[in-house]
N, C-alpha and C. Protein backbone atom coordinates (compact mmCIF):
# COMPACT_ATOMS: atom_id res chain seq x y z
N MET A 1 -1.74 -1.44 -34.58
CA MET A 1 -2.77 -0.94 -33.87
C MET A 1 -3.02 -2.36 -32.90
N GLU A 2 -2.70 -3.39 -33.34
CA GLU A 2 -2.91 -4.53 -32.51
C GLU A 2 -2.00 -4.74 -31.23
N LEU A 3 -0.86 -4.09 -31.47
CA LEU A 3 0.01 -4.08 -30.21
C LEU A 3 -0.65 -3.20 -29.11
N PHE A 4 -1.31 -2.19 -29.43
CA PHE A 4 -1.95 -1.30 -28.49
C PHE A 4 -3.10 -1.95 -27.91
N GLU A 5 -3.79 -2.71 -28.69
CA GLU A 5 -5.02 -3.35 -28.36
C GLU A 5 -4.53 -4.61 -27.22
N ASN A 6 -3.51 -5.22 -27.47
CA ASN A 6 -3.12 -6.29 -26.75
C ASN A 6 -2.52 -5.74 -25.30
N TYR A 7 -1.99 -4.63 -25.23
CA TYR A 7 -1.24 -4.15 -23.92
C TYR A 7 -1.98 -2.95 -23.30
N HIS A 8 -3.10 -2.53 -23.89
CA HIS A 8 -3.82 -1.36 -23.37
C HIS A 8 -4.02 -1.48 -21.81
N PHE A 9 -4.72 -2.45 -21.33
CA PHE A 9 -5.07 -2.72 -20.10
C PHE A 9 -3.96 -2.87 -19.07
N ALA A 10 -3.02 -3.56 -19.70
CA ALA A 10 -1.67 -3.82 -18.91
C ALA A 10 -1.03 -2.53 -18.69
N VAL A 11 -0.85 -1.62 -19.59
CA VAL A 11 -0.30 -0.26 -19.43
C VAL A 11 -1.30 0.53 -18.55
N GLY A 12 -2.47 0.41 -18.50
CA GLY A 12 -3.36 1.08 -17.58
C GLY A 12 -3.15 0.82 -16.02
N ILE A 13 -3.09 -0.56 -15.98
CA ILE A 13 -2.93 -1.09 -14.46
C ILE A 13 -1.42 -0.73 -14.01
N SER A 14 -0.52 -0.71 -15.01
CA SER A 14 0.88 -0.37 -14.63
C SER A 14 0.96 1.03 -14.21
N VAL A 15 0.32 1.92 -14.86
CA VAL A 15 0.30 3.30 -14.34
C VAL A 15 -0.35 3.48 -12.86
N ALA A 16 -1.55 2.85 -12.84
CA ALA A 16 -2.15 2.86 -11.42
C ALA A 16 -1.17 2.43 -10.41
N ARG A 17 -0.59 1.20 -10.59
CA ARG A 17 0.34 0.60 -9.73
C ARG A 17 1.51 1.50 -9.31
N ILE A 18 2.15 1.97 -10.34
CA ILE A 18 3.26 2.81 -10.07
C ILE A 18 2.90 4.14 -9.35
N PHE A 19 1.75 4.85 -9.77
CA PHE A 19 1.31 5.88 -9.15
C PHE A 19 1.07 5.66 -7.60
N LEU A 20 0.20 4.50 -7.29
CA LEU A 20 -0.13 4.11 -6.04
C LEU A 20 1.20 3.86 -5.17
N GLY A 21 2.01 3.25 -5.86
CA GLY A 21 3.52 2.94 -5.08
C GLY A 21 3.99 4.19 -4.73
N PHE A 22 4.15 5.08 -5.54
CA PHE A 22 4.73 6.54 -5.24
C PHE A 22 4.15 7.27 -4.05
N LEU A 23 2.63 6.98 -4.13
CA LEU A 23 1.93 7.77 -3.15
C LEU A 23 2.33 7.16 -1.80
N PHE A 24 2.29 5.74 -1.64
CA PHE A 24 2.67 5.25 -0.41
C PHE A 24 4.13 5.41 -0.06
N PHE A 25 5.05 5.24 -1.04
CA PHE A 25 6.51 5.35 -0.78
C PHE A 25 6.74 6.68 -0.10
N PHE A 26 6.36 7.80 -0.69
CA PHE A 26 6.61 9.09 -0.15
C PHE A 26 5.91 9.33 1.18
N GLN A 27 4.91 8.81 1.38
CA GLN A 27 4.08 8.87 2.73
C GLN A 27 5.02 8.31 3.68
N GLY A 28 5.56 7.00 3.39
CA GLY A 28 6.14 6.20 4.38
C GLY A 28 7.68 6.97 4.61
N TYR A 29 8.27 7.45 3.41
CA TYR A 29 9.51 8.12 3.50
C TYR A 29 9.51 9.34 4.39
N ASP A 30 8.53 10.06 4.29
CA ASP A 30 8.38 11.33 5.01
C ASP A 30 8.16 10.92 6.59
N ALA A 31 7.37 9.85 6.86
CA ALA A 31 7.29 9.52 8.14
C ALA A 31 8.51 8.88 8.86
N VAL A 32 9.20 8.01 8.19
CA VAL A 32 10.47 7.52 8.66
C VAL A 32 11.61 8.24 8.66
N PHE A 33 11.81 9.14 7.60
CA PHE A 33 13.12 9.95 7.53
C PHE A 33 12.94 11.38 7.64
N LYS A 34 11.93 11.99 7.33
CA LYS A 34 11.81 13.54 7.44
C LYS A 34 11.20 13.69 8.80
N ILE A 35 10.14 13.18 9.19
CA ILE A 35 9.47 13.65 10.29
C ILE A 35 10.11 12.71 11.55
N GLY A 36 10.22 11.34 11.28
CA GLY A 36 10.77 10.61 12.33
C GLY A 36 9.68 9.83 13.07
N LEU A 37 9.96 8.60 13.44
CA LEU A 37 8.77 7.61 13.93
C LEU A 37 8.39 8.21 15.38
N LYS A 38 9.43 8.57 16.22
CA LYS A 38 9.32 9.20 17.45
C LYS A 38 8.16 10.32 17.29
N GLN A 39 8.39 11.37 16.45
CA GLN A 39 7.58 12.42 16.41
C GLN A 39 6.11 12.01 15.75
N VAL A 40 6.15 10.95 14.85
CA VAL A 40 4.97 10.49 14.25
C VAL A 40 4.13 9.75 15.64
N THR A 41 4.81 9.12 16.25
CA THR A 41 4.24 8.47 17.53
C THR A 41 3.67 9.40 18.48
N ASP A 42 4.51 10.46 18.72
CA ASP A 42 3.98 11.44 19.83
C ASP A 42 2.82 12.16 19.26
N THR A 43 2.86 12.57 17.97
CA THR A 43 1.70 13.20 17.24
C THR A 43 0.30 12.34 17.58
N TYR A 44 0.41 11.13 17.19
CA TYR A 44 -0.71 10.23 17.34
C TYR A 44 -1.27 10.20 18.77
N GLN A 45 -0.19 9.97 19.76
CA GLN A 45 -0.31 9.74 21.14
C GLN A 45 -1.22 10.91 21.52
N GLU A 46 -0.82 12.02 21.29
CA GLU A 46 -1.63 13.28 21.74
C GLU A 46 -3.12 13.00 21.62
N LYS A 47 -3.54 12.56 20.51
CA LYS A 47 -4.69 12.35 20.13
C LYS A 47 -5.46 10.99 20.77
N PHE A 48 -4.73 9.82 20.93
CA PHE A 48 -5.26 8.49 21.32
C PHE A 48 -4.86 8.36 22.72
N GLY A 49 -4.02 9.09 23.37
CA GLY A 49 -3.64 8.87 24.81
C GLY A 49 -4.93 9.09 25.50
N PRO A 50 -5.74 10.37 25.48
CA PRO A 50 -6.67 10.59 26.25
C PRO A 50 -7.99 9.74 25.95
N LYS A 51 -7.93 8.94 24.91
CA LYS A 51 -9.07 7.95 24.51
C LYS A 51 -8.63 6.58 25.23
N GLY A 52 -7.67 6.50 25.94
CA GLY A 52 -7.16 5.30 26.72
C GLY A 52 -6.41 4.30 25.84
N ILE A 53 -5.91 4.74 24.63
CA ILE A 53 -5.07 3.82 23.84
C ILE A 53 -3.54 3.81 24.37
N PRO A 54 -2.97 2.69 24.63
CA PRO A 54 -1.80 2.73 25.31
C PRO A 54 -0.61 3.12 24.29
N ARG A 55 0.33 3.72 24.67
CA ARG A 55 1.53 4.30 23.87
C ARG A 55 2.08 3.16 22.98
N PHE A 56 2.37 1.84 23.70
CA PHE A 56 2.87 0.93 22.81
C PHE A 56 2.05 0.57 21.64
N LEU A 57 0.75 0.72 21.68
CA LEU A 57 -0.21 0.37 20.55
C LEU A 57 0.00 1.37 19.65
N THR A 58 -0.03 2.67 20.03
CA THR A 58 0.23 3.75 19.15
C THR A 58 1.43 3.71 18.49
N ALA A 59 2.52 3.38 19.02
CA ALA A 59 3.88 3.23 18.35
C ALA A 59 3.84 2.01 17.58
N LEU A 60 3.32 1.02 17.82
CA LEU A 60 3.33 -0.36 16.88
C LEU A 60 2.46 0.14 15.67
N THR A 61 1.45 0.79 15.79
CA THR A 61 0.65 1.13 14.57
C THR A 61 1.47 2.28 13.71
N ALA A 62 1.99 3.01 14.30
CA ALA A 62 2.95 4.18 13.66
C ALA A 62 3.99 3.35 12.91
N TRP A 63 4.61 2.52 13.58
CA TRP A 63 5.71 1.88 12.91
C TRP A 63 5.33 1.02 11.76
N PHE A 64 4.03 0.43 11.91
CA PHE A 64 3.50 -0.73 11.13
C PHE A 64 3.07 0.12 9.76
N THR A 65 2.28 1.25 9.89
CA THR A 65 1.78 1.93 8.83
C THR A 65 2.97 2.68 7.95
N SER A 66 3.97 3.25 8.75
CA SER A 66 5.04 4.01 8.21
C SER A 66 5.87 2.99 7.25
N PHE A 67 6.23 1.83 7.86
CA PHE A 67 7.19 0.91 7.17
C PHE A 67 6.47 0.23 6.11
N THR A 68 5.28 -0.10 6.26
CA THR A 68 4.58 -0.77 5.12
C THR A 68 4.36 0.19 3.98
N ALA A 69 3.94 1.47 4.33
CA ALA A 69 4.01 2.41 3.22
C ALA A 69 5.26 2.53 2.45
N LEU A 70 6.34 2.55 3.23
CA LEU A 70 7.51 2.84 2.76
C LEU A 70 8.14 1.69 1.84
N LEU A 71 8.09 0.44 2.32
CA LEU A 71 8.52 -0.83 1.64
C LEU A 71 7.74 -1.19 0.71
N CYS A 72 6.41 -1.32 0.92
CA CYS A 72 5.36 -1.87 0.04
C CYS A 72 5.25 -0.73 -1.17
N GLY A 73 5.40 0.31 -1.00
CA GLY A 73 5.23 1.41 -1.96
C GLY A 73 6.35 1.20 -2.97
N PHE A 74 7.64 1.08 -2.41
CA PHE A 74 8.81 0.82 -3.21
C PHE A 74 8.47 -0.66 -4.20
N LEU A 75 7.99 -1.46 -3.40
CA LEU A 75 7.75 -2.83 -4.25
C LEU A 75 6.83 -2.66 -5.26
N LEU A 76 5.76 -1.78 -5.01
CA LEU A 76 4.73 -1.62 -6.17
C LEU A 76 5.31 -0.90 -7.28
N ILE A 77 6.18 0.09 -6.98
CA ILE A 77 6.73 0.92 -8.19
C ILE A 77 7.31 -0.10 -9.18
N PHE A 78 8.15 -1.15 -8.82
CA PHE A 78 8.68 -2.05 -9.56
C PHE A 78 8.00 -3.30 -9.81
N GLY A 79 6.76 -3.42 -9.22
CA GLY A 79 5.96 -4.68 -9.37
C GLY A 79 6.53 -5.91 -8.78
N MET A 80 7.18 -5.82 -7.58
CA MET A 80 7.79 -6.91 -6.90
C MET A 80 6.77 -7.22 -5.80
N PHE A 81 6.56 -8.58 -5.68
CA PHE A 81 5.67 -8.99 -4.63
C PHE A 81 4.38 -8.13 -4.64
N GLU A 82 3.97 -7.88 -5.70
CA GLU A 82 2.75 -6.99 -5.95
C GLU A 82 1.52 -7.30 -5.09
N PHE A 83 1.09 -8.44 -5.05
CA PHE A 83 -0.22 -8.80 -4.35
C PHE A 83 0.06 -8.89 -2.88
N PHE A 84 1.09 -9.37 -2.59
CA PHE A 84 1.57 -9.32 -1.04
C PHE A 84 1.59 -7.79 -0.47
N SER A 85 2.28 -6.98 -1.35
CA SER A 85 2.21 -5.60 -0.95
C SER A 85 0.94 -5.03 -0.83
N LEU A 86 -0.02 -5.35 -1.94
CA LEU A 86 -1.33 -4.84 -1.78
C LEU A 86 -2.15 -5.14 -0.57
N TYR A 87 -1.86 -6.59 -0.30
CA TYR A 87 -2.64 -6.94 0.90
C TYR A 87 -2.12 -6.15 2.17
N LEU A 88 -0.75 -6.13 2.41
CA LEU A 88 -0.32 -5.31 3.48
C LEU A 88 -0.84 -3.74 3.45
N LEU A 89 -0.82 -3.16 2.30
CA LEU A 89 -1.26 -1.73 2.27
C LEU A 89 -2.69 -1.60 2.49
N GLY A 90 -3.58 -2.84 2.11
CA GLY A 90 -4.96 -2.72 2.36
C GLY A 90 -5.15 -2.93 4.01
N LEU A 91 -4.31 -3.48 4.65
CA LEU A 91 -4.31 -3.53 6.15
C LEU A 91 -4.12 -2.26 6.68
N ASN A 92 -2.96 -1.67 5.92
CA ASN A 92 -2.59 -0.30 6.42
C ASN A 92 -3.59 0.67 6.38
N LEU A 93 -4.37 0.69 5.40
CA LEU A 93 -5.60 1.58 5.04
C LEU A 93 -6.83 1.32 6.05
N ILE A 94 -6.95 0.04 6.40
CA ILE A 94 -7.82 -0.24 7.50
C ILE A 94 -7.51 0.27 8.83
N ILE A 95 -6.20 0.19 9.17
CA ILE A 95 -5.73 0.64 10.39
C ILE A 95 -5.81 2.15 10.43
N THR A 96 -5.55 2.68 9.32
CA THR A 96 -5.56 4.27 9.14
C THR A 96 -7.01 4.76 9.33
N GLY A 97 -7.96 3.96 8.77
CA GLY A 97 -9.24 4.34 8.79
C GLY A 97 -9.77 4.28 10.00
N ILE A 98 -9.39 3.10 10.96
CA ILE A 98 -9.85 2.92 12.31
C ILE A 98 -9.35 4.06 13.13
N GLY A 99 -7.99 4.48 12.80
CA GLY A 99 -7.55 5.62 13.67
C GLY A 99 -8.14 6.92 13.40
N PHE A 100 -8.34 7.28 12.14
CA PHE A 100 -9.04 8.60 11.79
C PHE A 100 -10.36 8.63 12.34
N GLY A 101 -11.09 7.50 12.22
CA GLY A 101 -12.60 7.25 12.77
C GLY A 101 -12.51 7.58 14.12
N MET A 102 -11.54 6.89 15.08
CA MET A 102 -11.67 7.09 16.49
C MET A 102 -11.27 8.40 16.83
N ASN A 103 -10.45 9.17 15.99
CA ASN A 103 -10.21 10.48 16.42
C ASN A 103 -11.08 11.69 16.02
N LEU A 104 -11.65 11.43 14.79
CA LEU A 104 -12.71 12.41 14.39
C LEU A 104 -13.87 11.59 13.58
N PRO A 105 -14.89 11.35 14.00
CA PRO A 105 -15.99 10.61 13.36
C PRO A 105 -16.20 10.97 11.87
N LEU A 106 -16.15 12.13 11.49
CA LEU A 106 -16.50 12.66 10.19
C LEU A 106 -15.19 13.38 9.64
N TRP A 107 -14.31 12.39 9.46
CA TRP A 107 -12.98 12.92 8.92
C TRP A 107 -12.80 13.01 7.48
N ASP A 108 -11.86 13.77 6.93
CA ASP A 108 -11.81 14.13 5.47
C ASP A 108 -11.05 12.96 5.09
N THR A 109 -11.56 12.35 4.09
CA THR A 109 -11.04 11.21 3.36
C THR A 109 -10.13 11.45 2.17
N ARG A 110 -9.90 12.61 1.90
CA ARG A 110 -9.27 13.01 0.58
C ARG A 110 -7.82 12.45 0.48
N HIS A 111 -7.23 12.10 1.55
CA HIS A 111 -5.87 11.40 1.47
C HIS A 111 -5.94 10.07 1.47
N VAL A 112 -7.01 9.31 2.10
CA VAL A 112 -7.03 7.95 1.96
C VAL A 112 -7.88 7.40 0.92
N PHE A 113 -9.05 8.02 0.42
CA PHE A 113 -9.73 7.56 -0.64
C PHE A 113 -9.16 7.20 -1.91
N PRO A 114 -8.26 7.97 -2.40
CA PRO A 114 -7.69 7.78 -3.72
C PRO A 114 -6.71 6.62 -3.62
N ARG A 115 -6.16 6.35 -2.41
CA ARG A 115 -5.22 5.22 -2.27
C ARG A 115 -6.20 3.91 -2.27
N LEU A 116 -7.23 3.89 -1.50
CA LEU A 116 -8.17 2.88 -1.51
C LEU A 116 -8.71 2.44 -2.82
N ALA A 117 -9.20 3.46 -3.53
CA ALA A 117 -9.76 3.31 -4.92
C ALA A 117 -8.63 2.58 -5.83
N LEU A 118 -7.42 3.13 -5.80
CA LEU A 118 -6.38 2.50 -6.73
C LEU A 118 -6.13 1.14 -6.26
N LEU A 119 -6.02 0.78 -5.00
CA LEU A 119 -5.63 -0.37 -4.34
C LEU A 119 -6.75 -1.52 -4.68
N LEU A 120 -7.87 -1.03 -4.62
CA LEU A 120 -9.19 -2.03 -5.07
C LEU A 120 -9.09 -2.29 -6.52
N LEU A 121 -8.84 -1.19 -7.32
CA LEU A 121 -8.80 -1.41 -8.73
C LEU A 121 -7.52 -2.32 -9.14
N LEU A 122 -6.52 -2.41 -8.48
CA LEU A 122 -5.47 -3.40 -8.63
C LEU A 122 -5.84 -4.65 -8.29
N LEU A 123 -6.35 -4.81 -7.08
CA LEU A 123 -6.79 -6.19 -6.57
C LEU A 123 -7.98 -6.83 -7.31
N LEU A 124 -8.82 -5.99 -8.01
CA LEU A 124 -10.04 -6.67 -8.62
C LEU A 124 -9.88 -6.60 -10.23
N THR A 125 -8.69 -6.44 -10.72
CA THR A 125 -8.54 -6.67 -12.06
C THR A 125 -7.78 -7.98 -12.44
N PRO A 126 -8.03 -8.56 -13.60
CA PRO A 126 -7.57 -9.79 -13.91
C PRO A 126 -6.10 -9.83 -14.01
N LEU A 127 -5.47 -11.03 -13.53
CA LEU A 127 -4.12 -11.05 -13.46
C LEU A 127 -3.39 -10.86 -14.65
N GLU A 128 -4.04 -11.38 -15.85
CA GLU A 128 -3.40 -11.03 -17.17
C GLU A 128 -2.93 -9.53 -17.22
N TRP A 129 -3.77 -8.49 -16.65
CA TRP A 129 -3.45 -7.20 -16.89
C TRP A 129 -2.30 -6.75 -16.01
N HIS A 130 -1.64 -7.62 -15.24
CA HIS A 130 -0.57 -7.14 -14.31
C HIS A 130 0.75 -7.82 -15.17
N PHE A 131 0.98 -7.24 -16.16
CA PHE A 131 1.81 -7.92 -17.28
C PHE A 131 3.24 -7.18 -16.95
N PHE A 132 3.35 -5.95 -16.86
CA PHE A 132 4.53 -5.10 -16.71
C PHE A 132 5.00 -5.01 -15.32
N THR A 133 5.33 -6.04 -14.66
CA THR A 133 5.93 -6.17 -13.43
C THR A 133 7.33 -7.07 -13.41
N LEU A 134 7.97 -6.78 -12.51
CA LEU A 134 9.20 -7.80 -12.20
C LEU A 134 8.73 -9.04 -11.74
N ASP A 135 7.50 -9.17 -11.02
CA ASP A 135 6.91 -10.56 -10.57
C ASP A 135 6.73 -11.32 -11.97
N HIS A 136 6.05 -10.76 -12.80
CA HIS A 136 5.63 -11.46 -14.12
C HIS A 136 7.00 -11.73 -14.82
N LEU A 137 7.91 -10.95 -14.78
CA LEU A 137 9.25 -11.19 -15.64
C LEU A 137 9.97 -12.36 -15.14
N PHE A 138 10.07 -12.42 -13.74
CA PHE A 138 10.94 -13.46 -13.07
C PHE A 138 10.11 -14.70 -12.57
N ILE A 139 8.87 -14.62 -12.26
CA ILE A 139 8.09 -15.56 -11.72
C ILE A 139 7.50 -16.41 -12.82
N ASN A 140 6.70 -15.78 -13.73
CA ASN A 140 6.05 -16.45 -14.84
C ASN A 140 6.83 -16.98 -15.73
N HIS A 141 7.97 -16.47 -16.11
CA HIS A 141 8.85 -17.05 -17.22
C HIS A 141 10.01 -17.66 -16.80
């Protein structure tokens, strides 16, 4: 029973990290490989162009959010560069929130809020709970 008590929080944080990693990874995978970044940019530009947002800024944010979701999601799944990935994904969510807010002031948060909640959980928990990661395996030992 002591084994479970010692690693209970670490297992919980690992489940949250892996789940969040998959959410972001598949979001990025769809944007980069299934839909394509040109189509993603075109879709956003239809909404932001009339608001005066230049296409290069829309393209830059589409590329940033798509590739950070893909790469950082992958890294989170394995626990590699965990906190750097979480910081970039936090920036990703801030950019996404600004974009949705500009487009529709009362936007549906059902896709963003679970990611934000899991990200904050992972950032606000003690480092000792982030035990089952490749970072911990290679950097701390």
